Amino acid sequence: MEPTLRPMSLGEILDRTAQLYRTHFLLFAGIASIYAGVVLALGLLQIGIIELLKALHMAGDQIWVSLGFLILIFPVSIIAGGVAVAANNRAVAWVNLGQPATIRGTYKSILPRMWSYVLLLFLVLVILWTPFVLIYGGLAFSLWKIGVFKPGYAQNPDPQTALLLVGVFGVFLLLITLWAVYAILMGLRYSLALPSAVVENLNARQAMRRSIELSKGSRGRIFLLGLMIMAIEFGFVLITQGFFFVAAFKNHMVLPVWAEILQQLVGFLTNSFIGPMYATGLTLFYYDQRIRKEGFDIEWMMAAAGLSWPPPWSGIEPGQAQPAPWAVAETAASQAAQFDSLKVEVAIPSTEIAAPREPAEEPEATRPPGNEHEQQ
């Protein structure tokens, strides 16, 4: 597939996403299946442990098992999800530029810097979700101070306390609304961090700074892309998981074991099929922003014509990911500063022209005999 390197509208990016996804479906689904497989294994393990506790008449411990898996799935999801998204970004970068890509090749290329991508994803999640945790912590603390958790509180309601609760929940809803706006803005601000880290071999801090610069001027379009893909994914999940929701509602929110296992298997397929869509669109947005702001299409044509990019003085070895111009500029400035700090002493010859010398008279003792007589 020939690379499409030109500024694109939002509709064209969606069309390009669908085109890449359709022509390389097995590639993207195979990459996402690694993460989906990890989630499937944890889900099946949780079902098995809960059924074992029921058989041992230890059903009261189910809540602790569920809580333990809830805590366990958070770090596992960050690691597996970060690696899968980075591999997806690498695959999109390759196929978008007309280069071959395989599942094994994409994972092999990102594994050496796997923990850098995981750290980046973790930092972004911390920035987005820390206010949410603090708000809920503040709510729990307020309810504890009011005495809601005391035994017998529900049987003896206090009108003054009830009015105080209304105020607490009002403030809570206001703060949650403000957090939602904050999370959206921060998510858009760092939306291109992982593609930048994968394509340009940046560390977490550099990738976050790079995303801030690249996403300027297109965060509204990225937001609309997220809304559209979210609507597609929600519709697909509703179709595949709707049966299980209805069955659980009719059975007092409890599913039989066979239905829970089937739900996990359907979830595996759902995550594999639709998981890479948003990451694919963001990688295309990354290239679109580089084309608009840095002329990446011209750089690519120069490379295709045999012209060297990056320049030899950039310090980038052949075969590495192409750096951004700002990274090359920083390298050049650093080398220039080092060069200026060198003190080189050069002896410059004098340009003055010496006056010609008059020939010296020969000593008398050295004159040949007979010269004096001839002169007389």
Protein backbone atom coordinates (compact mmCIF):
# COMPACT_ATOMS: atom_id res chain seq x y z
CA MET A 1 0.00 0.00 0.00
CA GLU A 2 1.37 3.39 -1.01
CA PRO A 3 1.76 5.85 1.86
CA THR A 4 -0.82 8.64 2.09
CA LEU A 5 1.19 11.60 3.34
CA ARG A 6 -0.79 14.81 3.09
CA PRO A 7 -2.87 16.91 5.48
CA MET A 8 -6.20 15.14 6.04
CA SER A 9 -9.54 16.24 7.41
CA LEU A 10 -11.29 14.40 10.23
CA GLY A 11 -13.45 12.48 7.76
CA GLU A 12 -10.38 11.46 5.75
CA ILE A 13 -8.63 10.26 8.91
CA LEU A 14 -11.68 8.13 9.75
CA ASP A 15 -11.70 6.73 6.21
CA ARG A 16 -7.98 6.01 6.42
CA THR A 17 -8.46 4.31 9.79
CA ALA A 18 -11.20 2.10 8.33
CA GLN A 19 -9.06 1.37 5.25
CA LEU A 20 -6.03 0.30 7.29
CA TYR A 21 -8.20 -1.68 9.67
CA ARG A 22 -9.94 -3.50 6.83
CA THR A 23 -6.81 -4.32 4.84
CA HIS A 24 -4.76 -5.34 7.92
CA PHE A 25 -7.51 -6.71 10.14
CA LEU A 26 -5.68 -9.87 11.17
CA LEU A 27 -2.56 -7.86 12.05
CA PHE A 28 -4.36 -5.42 14.35
CA ALA A 29 -6.66 -8.05 15.84
CA GLY A 30 -3.69 -10.32 16.50
CA ILE A 31 -1.82 -7.52 18.28
CA ALA A 32 -4.84 -6.69 20.45
CA SER A 33 -5.49 -10.36 21.20
CA ILE A 34 -2.44 -10.42 23.52
CA TYR A 35 -4.05 -7.93 25.87
CA ALA A 36 -7.48 -9.49 25.42
CA GLY A 37 -6.00 -12.90 26.22
CA VAL A 38 -4.54 -11.63 29.51
CA VAL A 39 -7.93 -10.19 30.52
CA LEU A 40 -9.63 -13.46 29.51
CA ALA A 41 -7.21 -15.53 31.61
CA LEU A 42 -7.82 -13.35 34.68
CA GLY A 43 -11.58 -13.52 34.19
CA LEU A 44 -11.64 -17.30 33.87
CA LEU A 45 -9.32 -17.65 36.88
CA GLN A 46 -11.66 -15.50 38.96
CA ILE A 47 -14.69 -17.61 37.95
CA GLY A 48 -12.83 -20.80 38.80
CA ILE A 49 -11.74 -19.58 42.26
CA ILE A 50 -15.25 -18.37 43.13
CA GLU A 51 -16.80 -21.69 42.11
CA LEU A 52 -14.18 -23.52 44.17
CA LEU A 53 -15.06 -21.43 47.23
CA LYS A 54 -18.72 -22.28 46.72
CA ALA A 55 -17.90 -25.98 46.59
CA LEU A 56 -15.91 -25.65 49.82
CA HIS A 57 -18.80 -23.78 51.48
CA MET A 58 -16.70 -20.62 51.72
CA ALA A 59 -19.01 -18.36 49.73
CA GLY A 60 -18.50 -15.56 52.25
CA ASP A 61 -14.96 -15.06 50.93
CA GLN A 62 -16.15 -14.26 47.40
CA ILE A 63 -16.10 -10.54 48.05
CA TRP A 64 -12.41 -10.70 49.04
CA VAL A 65 -11.58 -12.71 45.92
CA SER A 66 -13.39 -10.17 43.76
CA LEU A 67 -11.60 -7.30 45.52
CA GLY A 68 -8.24 -9.03 45.08
CA PHE A 69 -8.79 -9.50 41.35
CA LEU A 70 -9.94 -5.89 41.05
CA ILE A 71 -6.63 -4.77 42.57
CA LEU A 72 -4.61 -7.25 40.51
CA ILE A 73 -6.18 -6.37 37.18
CA PHE A 74 -5.15 -2.71 37.43
CA PRO A 75 -1.34 -3.15 37.14
CA VAL A 76 -1.73 -6.10 34.77
CA SER A 77 -3.97 -4.07 32.49
CA ILE A 78 -1.51 -1.16 32.48
CA ILE A 79 1.39 -3.41 31.52
CA ALA A 80 -0.45 -5.57 28.96
CA GLY A 81 -2.47 -2.66 27.60
CA GLY A 82 0.54 -0.35 27.30
CA VAL A 83 2.54 -2.98 25.41
CA ALA A 84 -0.40 -3.80 23.10
CA VAL A 85 -1.11 -0.14 22.28
CA ALA A 86 2.60 0.53 21.63
CA ALA A 87 2.73 -2.47 19.29
CA ASN A 88 -0.39 -1.22 17.53
CA ASN A 89 1.18 2.22 17.08
CA ARG A 90 4.28 0.61 15.60
CA ALA A 91 2.19 -1.46 13.19
CA VAL A 92 0.15 1.57 12.08
CA ALA A 93 3.36 3.57 11.58
CA TRP A 94 4.76 0.85 9.35
CA VAL A 95 1.70 0.10 7.22
CA ASN A 96 0.81 3.78 6.87
CA LEU A 97 4.23 4.35 5.28
CA GLY A 98 3.84 1.35 3.00
CA GLN A 99 6.20 -0.91 4.95
CA PRO A 100 5.52 -4.57 5.83
CA ALA A 101 4.44 -5.42 9.38
CA THR A 102 3.83 -8.61 11.32
CA ILE A 103 2.54 -9.34 14.81
CA ARG A 104 5.87 -10.79 15.89
CA GLY A 105 7.84 -7.96 14.30
CA THR A 106 5.84 -5.22 16.00
CA TYR A 107 6.16 -6.76 19.45
CA LYS A 108 9.85 -7.47 18.90
CA SER A 109 10.49 -3.85 17.98
CA ILE A 110 8.84 -2.38 21.09
CA LEU A 111 9.90 -4.89 23.74
CA PRO A 112 13.35 -3.30 24.37
CA ARG A 113 11.58 -0.09 25.47
CA MET A 114 8.49 -1.76 26.94
CA TRP A 115 8.86 -0.30 30.43
CA SER A 116 9.25 3.19 29.05
CA TYR A 117 5.85 2.88 27.36
CA VAL A 118 4.29 1.39 30.49
CA LEU A 119 5.70 4.27 32.57
CA LEU A 120 4.31 6.79 30.10
CA LEU A 121 0.84 5.22 30.23
CA PHE A 122 0.99 5.09 34.04
CA LEU A 123 1.96 8.78 34.31
CA VAL A 124 -0.89 9.83 32.04
CA LEU A 125 -3.36 7.75 34.06
CA VAL A 126 -2.08 9.29 37.29
CA ILE A 127 -2.56 12.79 35.89
CA LEU A 128 -6.08 11.96 34.73
CA TRP A 129 -7.39 9.93 37.69
CA THR A 130 -5.68 11.36 40.79
CA PRO A 131 -8.31 14.12 41.23
CA PHE A 132 -11.06 11.49 40.87
CA VAL A 133 -9.56 9.38 43.67
CA LEU A 134 -9.15 12.46 45.89
CA ILE A 135 -12.77 13.50 45.31
CA TYR A 136 -14.09 10.06 46.24
CA GLY A 137 -11.75 9.96 49.24
CA GLY A 138 -13.11 13.30 50.37
CA LEU A 139 -16.67 12.02 50.00
CA ALA A 140 -15.93 8.91 52.07
CA PHE A 141 -14.24 11.02 54.76
CA SER A 142 -17.20 13.43 54.87
CA LEU A 143 -19.70 10.60 55.23
CA TRP A 144 -17.58 9.10 58.00
CA LYS A 145 -17.45 12.40 59.88
CA ILE A 146 -21.20 12.82 59.55
CA GLY A 147 -21.70 9.35 60.98
CA VAL A 148 -23.36 7.63 58.05
CA PHE A 149 -21.36 4.45 58.65
CA LYS A 150 -22.38 4.15 62.29
CA PRO A 151 -24.68 1.21 63.14
CA GLY A 152 -28.33 2.17 63.34
CA TYR A 153 -27.95 5.42 61.40
CA ALA A 154 -30.60 4.44 58.84
CA GLN A 155 -33.16 3.69 61.60
CA ASN A 156 -32.72 7.09 63.27
CA PRO A 157 -32.41 9.70 60.51
CA ASP A 158 -31.62 13.23 61.62
CA PRO A 159 -33.19 16.03 59.50
CA GLN A 160 -30.18 18.27 60.06
CA THR A 161 -27.80 15.50 59.07
CA ALA A 162 -29.93 14.72 56.01
CA LEU A 163 -29.67 18.36 54.91
CA LEU A 164 -25.92 18.19 55.40
CA LEU A 165 -25.79 15.08 53.25
CA VAL A 166 -27.62 16.89 50.47
CA GLY A 167 -24.96 19.60 50.56
CA VAL A 168 -22.12 17.06 50.59
CA PHE A 169 -23.51 15.21 47.56
CA GLY A 170 -24.14 18.49 45.75
CA VAL A 171 -20.51 19.47 46.17
CA PHE A 172 -19.49 15.96 45.13
CA LEU A 173 -21.46 16.15 41.88
CA LEU A 174 -19.99 19.57 41.11
CA LEU A 175 -16.45 18.34 41.68
CA ILE A 176 -17.07 15.21 39.57
CA THR A 177 -18.31 17.41 36.73
CA LEU A 178 -15.23 19.60 36.96
CA TRP A 179 -13.05 16.49 37.04
CA ALA A 180 -14.71 15.15 33.88
CA VAL A 181 -13.86 18.39 32.05
CA TYR A 182 -10.31 18.29 33.42
CA ALA A 183 -9.83 14.62 32.42
CA ILE A 184 -11.00 15.30 28.86
CA LEU A 185 -8.67 18.27 28.47
CA MET A 186 -5.68 16.40 29.91
CA GLY A 187 -6.49 13.32 27.82
CA LEU A 188 -6.46 15.42 24.66
CA ARG A 189 -3.27 17.16 25.78
CA TYR A 190 -1.40 13.85 26.06
CA SER A 191 -3.27 11.92 23.38
CA LEU A 192 -0.28 11.80 21.02
CA ALA A 193 2.32 10.94 23.66
CA LEU A 194 2.49 7.20 23.04
CA PRO A 195 2.70 7.45 19.21
CA SER A 196 5.46 10.03 19.68
CA ALA A 197 7.35 7.75 22.05
CA VAL A 198 7.06 4.75 19.72
CA VAL A 199 7.91 6.47 16.42
CA GLU A 200 10.60 8.84 17.70
CA ASN A 201 12.13 6.71 20.49
CA LEU A 202 11.39 9.31 23.17
CA ASN A 203 11.29 8.77 26.91
CA ALA A 204 8.14 9.45 28.92
CA ARG A 205 8.89 13.09 29.71
CA GLN A 206 9.91 13.94 26.15
CA ALA A 207 6.87 12.17 24.73
CA MET A 208 4.48 14.11 26.97
CA ARG A 209 6.11 17.40 26.00
CA ARG A 210 6.02 16.37 22.35
CA SER A 211 2.31 15.53 22.56
CA ILE A 212 1.53 18.95 24.02
CA GLU A 213 3.16 20.65 21.03
CA LEU A 214 1.78 18.36 18.34
CA SER A 215 -1.80 18.31 19.62
CA LYS A 216 -2.14 22.09 19.66
CA GLY A 217 -4.73 23.22 17.14
CA SER A 218 -6.27 19.77 16.64
CA ARG A 219 -7.54 18.75 20.07
CA GLY A 220 -11.10 19.44 19.00
CA ARG A 221 -10.72 17.09 16.05
CA ILE A 222 -9.14 14.45 18.27
CA PHE A 223 -12.08 14.80 20.67
CA LEU A 224 -14.55 14.25 17.83
CA LEU A 225 -12.57 11.22 16.67
CA GLY A 226 -12.80 9.78 20.17
CA LEU A 227 -16.54 10.40 20.33
CA MET A 228 -17.14 8.71 16.98
CA ILE A 229 -15.03 5.66 17.75
CA MET A 230 -16.54 5.46 21.24
CA ALA A 231 -20.01 5.38 19.69
CA ILE A 232 -18.93 2.57 17.35
CA GLU A 233 -17.38 0.59 20.18
CA PHE A 234 -20.39 1.13 22.46
CA GLY A 235 -22.74 -0.12 19.77
CA PHE A 236 -20.60 -3.18 19.17
CA VAL A 237 -20.41 -3.96 22.90
CA LEU A 238 -24.15 -3.49 23.25
CA ILE A 239 -24.74 -6.00 20.48
CA THR A 240 -22.31 -8.62 21.77
CA GLN A 241 -22.96 -8.18 25.51
CA GLY A 242 -26.65 -7.24 25.46
CA PHE A 243 -27.80 -10.84 25.92
CA PHE A 244 -25.75 -11.23 29.10
CA PHE A 245 -27.05 -7.95 30.53
CA VAL A 246 -30.65 -9.03 29.99
CA ALA A 247 -30.02 -12.51 31.39
CA ALA A 248 -28.37 -11.09 34.53
CA PHE A 249 -31.20 -8.61 35.05
CA LYS A 250 -33.80 -11.36 34.85
CA ASN A 251 -31.84 -13.60 37.23
CA HIS A 252 -31.27 -11.04 40.04
CA MET A 253 -27.92 -9.93 38.55
CA VAL A 254 -26.50 -13.46 38.74
CA LEU A 255 -25.37 -15.49 35.71
CA PRO A 256 -24.88 -19.25 35.57
CA VAL A 257 -21.31 -20.46 35.24
CA TRP A 258 -21.64 -21.39 31.55
CA ALA A 259 -22.97 -17.89 30.78
CA GLU A 260 -20.08 -16.25 32.67
CA ILE A 261 -17.54 -18.30 30.72
CA LEU A 262 -19.29 -17.51 27.43
CA GLN A 263 -19.34 -13.83 28.36
CA GLN A 264 -15.59 -13.89 28.92
CA LEU A 265 -15.02 -15.53 25.53
CA VAL A 266 -17.24 -13.01 23.76
CA GLY A 267 -15.41 -10.23 25.59
CA PHE A 268 -12.10 -11.60 24.29
CA LEU A 269 -13.34 -11.37 20.71
CA THR A 270 -14.80 -7.92 21.29
CA ASN A 271 -11.55 -6.56 22.75
CA SER A 272 -9.55 -8.09 19.90
CA PHE A 273 -11.79 -6.69 17.15
CA ILE A 274 -12.49 -3.14 18.32
CA GLY A 275 -9.63 -2.48 20.74
CA PRO A 276 -7.13 -1.12 18.17
CA MET A 277 -9.53 1.35 16.52
CA TYR A 278 -8.85 4.41 18.67
CA ALA A 279 -5.09 3.78 18.85
CA THR A 280 -5.00 3.49 15.05
CA GLY A 281 -6.80 6.80 14.64
CA LEU A 282 -4.47 8.55 17.09
CA THR A 283 -1.38 7.33 15.24
CA LEU A 284 -2.79 8.72 12.00
CA PHE A 285 -3.46 12.01 13.80
CA TYR A 286 0.16 12.01 14.93
CA TYR A 287 1.40 11.79 11.35
CA ASP A 288 -1.16 14.35 10.20
CA GLN A 289 0.11 16.85 12.78
CA ARG A 290 3.73 16.24 11.80
CA ILE A 291 2.82 16.85 8.16
CA ARG A 292 0.99 20.06 9.01
CA LYS A 293 3.56 21.49 11.41
CA GLU A 294 6.90 20.01 10.33
CA GLY A 295 6.55 18.98 6.70
CA PHE A 296 7.04 15.29 7.40
CA ASP A 297 5.74 14.44 3.93
CA ILE A 298 8.65 16.40 2.43
CA GLU A 299 11.11 14.64 4.75
CA TRP A 300 9.73 11.28 3.65
CA MET A 301 10.02 12.19 -0.04
CA MET A 302 13.62 13.28 0.55
CA ALA A 303 14.37 9.94 2.16
CA ALA A 304 12.65 8.10 -0.70
CA ALA A 305 14.79 10.08 -3.16
CA GLY A 306 17.95 8.90 -1.43
CA LEU A 307 18.66 12.10 0.48
CA SER A 308 19.82 11.52 4.03
CA TRP A 309 17.48 12.30 6.88
CA PRO A 310 18.35 12.89 9.63
CA PRO A 311 21.56 14.75 8.82
CA PRO A 312 24.88 13.07 9.69
CA TRP A 313 25.51 15.47 12.57
CA SER A 314 22.24 14.54 14.35
CA GLY A 315 23.83 11.60 16.14
CA ILE A 316 21.06 9.19 14.98
CA GLU A 317 22.32 5.85 13.80
CA PRO A 318 20.94 4.34 10.56
CA GLY A 319 17.85 2.23 11.11
CA GLN A 320 16.60 4.19 14.11
CA ALA A 321 13.24 5.91 14.10
CA GLN A 322 13.23 9.28 12.39
CA PRO A 323 13.59 12.06 14.96
CA ALA A 324 11.57 15.21 15.11
CA PRO A 325 13.26 18.38 13.90
CA TRP A 326 13.20 19.83 17.42
CA ALA A 327 15.18 16.82 18.67
CA VAL A 328 17.72 17.25 15.89
CA ALA A 329 17.93 20.96 16.62
CA GLU A 330 18.64 20.28 20.28
CA THR A 331 21.41 17.85 19.33
CA ALA A 332 22.91 20.36 16.94
CA ALA A 333 22.76 23.16 19.51
CA SER A 334 24.46 20.97 22.08
CA GLN A 335 27.25 20.06 19.70
CA ALA A 336 27.65 23.69 18.67
CA ALA A 337 27.99 24.72 22.32
CA GLN A 338 30.67 22.11 22.83
CA PHE A 339 32.50 23.34 19.75
CA ASP A 340 32.38 26.95 20.94
CA SER A 341 33.87 25.95 24.27
CA LEU A 342 37.03 24.61 22.60
CA LYS A 343 40.04 26.92 22.59
CA VAL A 344 42.16 26.42 19.51
CA GLU A 345 45.34 28.43 19.03
CA VAL A 346 46.44 28.84 15.42
CA ALA A 347 49.68 30.55 14.39
CA ILE A 348 48.89 32.92 11.54
CA PRO A 349 51.92 33.90 9.43
CA SER A 350 52.69 37.55 8.98
CA THR A 351 51.48 39.09 5.73
CA GLU A 352 54.09 41.94 5.70
CA ILE A 353 56.47 41.92 2.71
CA ALA A 354 60.10 42.40 3.68
CA ALA A 355 62.22 44.96 1.79
CA PRO A 356 64.78 43.46 -0.57
CA ARG A 357 68.31 43.26 0.81
CA GLU A 358 71.28 44.87 -0.91
CA PRO A 359 73.98 42.39 -1.82
CA ALA A 360 76.82 42.46 0.69
CA GLU A 361 80.29 43.48 -0.48
CA GLU A 362 82.80 40.75 -0.64
CA PRO A 363 85.73 41.00 1.77
CA GLU A 364 88.99 42.20 0.25
CA ALA A 365 90.80 39.09 1.32
CA THR A 366 88.52 37.04 -0.79
CA ARG A 367 88.94 39.10 -3.97
CA PRO A 368 90.82 37.29 -6.72
CA PRO A 369 94.32 38.58 -7.54
CA GLY A 370 94.74 40.98 -10.39
CA ASN A 371 91.43 42.72 -9.98
CA GLU A 372 93.02 45.86 -8.51
CA HIS A 373 95.49 46.27 -11.43
CA GLU A 374 92.74 45.84 -13.96
CA GLN A 375 90.69 48.50 -12.36
CA GLN A 376 93.57 50.99 -12.55
